[in-house]
Amino acid sequence: MRDDRTGRVAGVLLAAGTSSRMGRNKLFLPLNGTSVLRRAVATALEAGLDPVLVVLGHESERAIAELDGIPCTPLVNRRYARGMNTSVSAGIAAVPGDATGAVVMLADMPFVSAAMVRAVVERFRKGDAPLVVSTYGDVLAPPILYGRPLFDELRALDGDGCGKRVVKAHRAEAVELQWPPAALSDLDVPEDVDRARARIEGEP
């Protein structure tokens, strides 16, 4: 029997890293009149994810202050230094029991739009696949929607990665949405931020 997919879909936004290649915390860098962190949370909220769980680690107190006034739930992952999978695990563990699934997102992917996230959710609701993955050319990356039947596997994750061990185990069952490779742009070094700002300013 097909599982019920009418419940809400949560958002798990990963924002715990140290930004070591950037030289300073990328979450607080200005981008189009807001910070990288606030922009990512706004995207998740605009997409209708509920609740939006923001998994923090490095400079968590500063990040919590940055999120003041935004309807999201900050979570502090004390194990963040052990790798991104610990943040996935922490976020999934906090998803409410009435949520039918969760979309894992990265805070430093500013060109992932609310429309993209909504499309992922809609595709999940219309089918019976346990997960919906995003690909950018040959690269698989968030947003990735995991159905509740996969939550136990996600909660057991540790170390590096972004839930991709679970994706690999269920890849044959997954639905794939393809996006333009340009939407994959993330923010790792200062030059990435400069390019993102120029691109956003050039958008109509």
Protein backbone atom coordinates (compact mmCIF):
# COMPACT_ATOMS: atom_id res chain seq x y z
CA MET A 1 0.00 0.00 0.00
CA ARG A 2 1.29 3.44 -0.91
CA ASP A 3 2.36 5.51 2.09
CA ASP A 4 0.44 8.68 2.91
CA ARG A 5 2.24 11.72 1.50
CA THR A 6 -0.29 14.40 2.42
CA GLY A 7 1.55 15.48 5.59
CA ARG A 8 3.89 18.42 5.77
CA VAL A 9 7.44 18.23 4.49
CA ALA A 10 10.17 19.57 6.75
CA GLY A 11 13.30 21.41 5.73
CA VAL A 12 16.73 20.50 7.14
CA LEU A 13 19.15 23.30 6.29
CA LEU A 14 22.78 22.42 6.95
CA ALA A 15 24.76 25.42 8.22
CA ALA A 16 27.27 24.05 10.72
CA GLY A 17 30.61 24.19 8.87
CA THR A 18 33.70 26.20 9.66
CA SER A 19 34.08 27.89 6.24
CA SER A 20 37.78 27.07 6.40
CA ARG A 21 38.43 27.78 2.71
CA MET A 22 36.60 31.11 2.90
CA GLY A 23 38.76 32.44 5.74
CA ARG A 24 35.69 33.74 7.61
CA ASN A 25 32.21 32.45 8.27
CA LYS A 26 30.36 32.46 4.95
CA LEU A 27 26.96 32.41 6.66
CA PHE A 28 27.22 36.07 7.56
CA LEU A 29 28.55 37.42 4.28
CA PRO A 30 26.21 39.96 2.64
CA LEU A 31 24.40 38.81 -0.47
CA ASN A 32 21.79 40.95 -2.20
CA GLY A 33 20.82 42.91 0.89
CA THR A 34 20.78 40.00 3.31
CA SER A 35 23.17 37.39 4.67
CA VAL A 36 23.93 34.04 3.06
CA LEU A 37 22.23 32.31 6.01
CA ARG A 38 19.07 34.40 5.98
CA ARG A 39 18.77 34.02 2.20
CA ALA A 40 18.88 30.23 2.49
CA VAL A 41 16.28 30.14 5.26
CA ALA A 42 14.03 32.49 3.27
CA THR A 43 14.21 30.10 0.31
CA ALA A 44 13.16 27.15 2.47
CA LEU A 45 10.27 29.12 3.97
CA GLU A 46 9.12 30.41 0.59
CA ALA A 47 9.09 26.83 -0.69
CA GLY A 48 6.58 25.95 2.06
CA LEU A 49 8.79 23.62 4.08
CA ASP A 50 7.44 23.20 7.60
CA PRO A 51 9.19 23.35 9.95
CA VAL A 52 12.50 24.73 8.74
CA LEU A 53 15.21 23.22 10.94
CA VAL A 54 18.55 25.04 10.70
CA VAL A 55 21.43 22.85 11.88
CA LEU A 56 24.23 25.01 13.28
CA GLY A 57 27.67 24.29 14.68
CA HIS A 58 30.56 26.71 14.17
CA GLU A 59 29.71 30.13 15.70
CA SER A 60 26.25 28.84 16.56
CA GLU A 61 25.43 31.66 18.98
CA ARG A 62 26.14 34.25 16.31
CA ALA A 63 24.03 32.30 13.82
CA ILE A 64 21.12 32.06 16.25
CA ALA A 65 21.27 35.84 16.68
CA GLU A 66 21.33 36.24 12.89
CA LEU A 67 18.12 34.22 12.64
CA ASP A 68 16.24 36.28 15.21
CA GLY A 69 12.74 37.10 14.01
CA ILE A 70 12.69 34.43 11.29
CA PRO A 71 10.17 31.57 11.75
CA CYS A 72 12.66 28.73 11.82
CA THR A 73 14.05 26.34 14.43
CA PRO A 74 17.82 26.55 15.08
CA LEU A 75 19.46 23.30 16.20
CA VAL A 76 23.02 23.12 17.50
CA ASN A 77 24.97 20.07 16.39
CA ARG A 78 27.72 19.62 18.98
CA ARG A 79 29.35 16.95 16.80
CA TYR A 80 29.63 19.12 13.67
CA ALA A 81 33.43 18.80 13.54
CA ARG A 82 32.98 15.07 12.80
CA GLY A 83 31.43 15.82 9.41
CA MET A 84 28.30 16.91 7.62
CA ASN A 85 26.50 13.61 8.13
CA THR A 86 26.26 14.39 11.84
CA SER A 87 24.25 17.49 10.92
CA VAL A 88 21.98 15.45 8.66
CA SER A 89 21.43 13.02 11.52
CA ALA A 90 20.71 15.82 14.02
CA GLY A 91 18.29 17.54 11.68
CA ILE A 92 16.35 14.40 10.78
CA ALA A 93 16.10 13.45 14.47
CA ALA A 94 14.26 16.73 15.08
CA VAL A 95 11.71 16.36 12.26
CA PRO A 96 8.18 16.24 13.74
CA GLY A 97 6.35 12.93 13.73
CA ASP A 98 3.62 14.17 11.41
CA ALA A 99 6.05 15.11 8.62
CA THR A 100 5.98 12.77 5.65
CA GLY A 101 9.49 13.64 4.55
CA ALA A 102 12.32 16.16 4.79
CA VAL A 103 14.25 18.19 2.23
CA VAL A 104 17.96 18.47 3.02
CA MET A 105 19.46 21.75 1.79
CA LEU A 106 22.83 23.48 2.07
CA ALA A 107 23.08 27.07 3.28
CA ASP A 108 25.81 27.95 0.80
CA MET A 109 23.91 27.19 -2.44
CA PRO A 110 22.37 30.63 -3.15
CA PHE A 111 20.99 29.70 -6.57
CA VAL A 112 18.76 26.93 -5.33
CA SER A 113 15.39 28.62 -5.62
CA ALA A 114 12.11 28.11 -3.80
CA ALA A 115 10.62 26.95 -7.11
CA MET A 116 13.22 24.18 -7.31
CA VAL A 117 12.44 23.02 -3.78
CA ARG A 118 8.70 23.11 -4.44
CA ALA A 119 9.21 20.99 -7.55
CA VAL A 120 11.09 18.40 -5.50
CA VAL A 121 8.25 18.25 -2.97
CA GLU A 122 5.57 18.04 -5.67
CA ARG A 123 7.38 15.19 -7.39
CA PHE A 124 7.58 13.32 -4.10
CA ARG A 125 3.87 13.76 -3.37
CA LYS A 126 2.83 12.54 -6.82
CA GLY A 127 4.78 9.28 -6.74
CA ASP A 128 5.90 6.51 -4.46
CA ALA A 129 9.69 6.82 -4.64
CA PRO A 130 11.39 6.90 -1.20
CA LEU A 131 13.50 9.88 -2.21
CA VAL A 132 13.80 12.62 -4.82
CA VAL A 133 17.29 13.74 -5.81
CA SER A 134 18.61 16.77 -7.68
CA THR A 135 21.28 16.54 -10.36
CA TYR A 136 23.24 19.31 -12.01
CA GLY A 137 24.80 17.82 -15.11
CA ASP A 138 26.66 14.82 -13.72
CA VAL A 139 26.66 16.07 -10.10
CA LEU A 140 24.15 14.94 -7.50
CA ALA A 141 23.58 17.56 -4.78
CA PRO A 142 20.85 19.06 -2.59
CA PRO A 143 18.01 19.70 -2.43
CA ILE A 144 17.31 16.05 -1.74
CA LEU A 145 13.99 14.89 -0.29
CA TYR A 146 14.03 11.81 1.93
CA GLY A 147 10.76 10.09 2.74
CA ARG A 148 10.08 9.09 6.33
CA PRO A 149 10.88 5.39 5.70
CA LEU A 150 14.52 6.45 5.23
CA PHE A 151 14.78 8.45 8.45
CA ASP A 152 16.23 5.61 10.53
CA GLU A 153 19.09 5.25 8.05
CA LEU A 154 19.71 9.00 8.07
CA ARG A 155 19.74 9.19 11.87
CA ALA A 156 22.43 6.52 11.94
CA LEU A 157 24.83 8.51 9.75
CA ASP A 158 28.17 9.81 10.99
CA GLY A 159 31.26 11.38 9.46
CA ASP A 160 31.55 13.14 6.12
CA GLY A 161 28.92 13.32 3.40
CA CYS A 162 25.44 14.73 3.05
CA GLY A 163 23.26 11.65 3.32
CA LYS A 164 24.75 10.32 0.10
CA ARG A 165 25.31 6.90 1.63
CA VAL A 166 21.54 6.59 1.92
CA VAL A 167 21.09 7.97 -1.60
CA LYS A 168 23.51 5.38 -2.96
CA ALA A 169 21.66 2.56 -1.22
CA HIS A 170 18.32 3.64 -2.72
CA ARG A 171 19.46 5.25 -5.98
CA ALA A 172 17.64 2.71 -8.13
CA GLU A 173 14.35 3.67 -6.45
CA ALA A 174 14.88 7.43 -6.57
CA VAL A 175 13.20 10.01 -8.75
CA GLU A 176 15.66 12.47 -10.29
CA LEU A 177 15.08 16.11 -11.14
CA GLN A 178 17.64 17.75 -13.40
CA TRP A 179 18.66 21.38 -12.95
CA PRO A 180 21.00 23.68 -14.90
CA PRO A 181 24.62 23.19 -13.79
CA ALA A 182 24.84 26.92 -13.00
CA ALA A 183 22.37 26.43 -10.14
CA LEU A 184 24.94 24.25 -8.38
CA SER A 185 27.19 27.23 -7.57
CA ASP A 186 28.23 27.16 -3.92
CA LEU A 187 30.30 29.50 -1.81
CA ASP A 188 33.65 28.03 -0.82
CA VAL A 189 36.21 30.79 -1.50
CA PRO A 190 35.95 34.61 -1.67
CA GLU A 191 35.90 34.55 -5.48
CA ASP A 192 32.71 32.47 -5.36
CA VAL A 193 30.99 35.21 -3.36
CA ASP A 194 32.13 37.90 -5.80
CA ARG A 195 30.75 35.90 -8.73
CA ALA A 196 27.46 35.27 -6.92
CA ARG A 197 27.02 38.95 -6.15
CA ALA A 198 27.73 39.93 -9.75
CA ARG A 199 25.28 37.31 -11.01
CA ILE A 200 22.51 38.36 -8.64
CA GLU A 201 22.98 42.03 -9.51
CA GLY A 202 22.72 41.14 -13.19
CA GLU A 203 19.44 39.26 -12.79
CA PRO A 204 16.27 41.02 -13.99
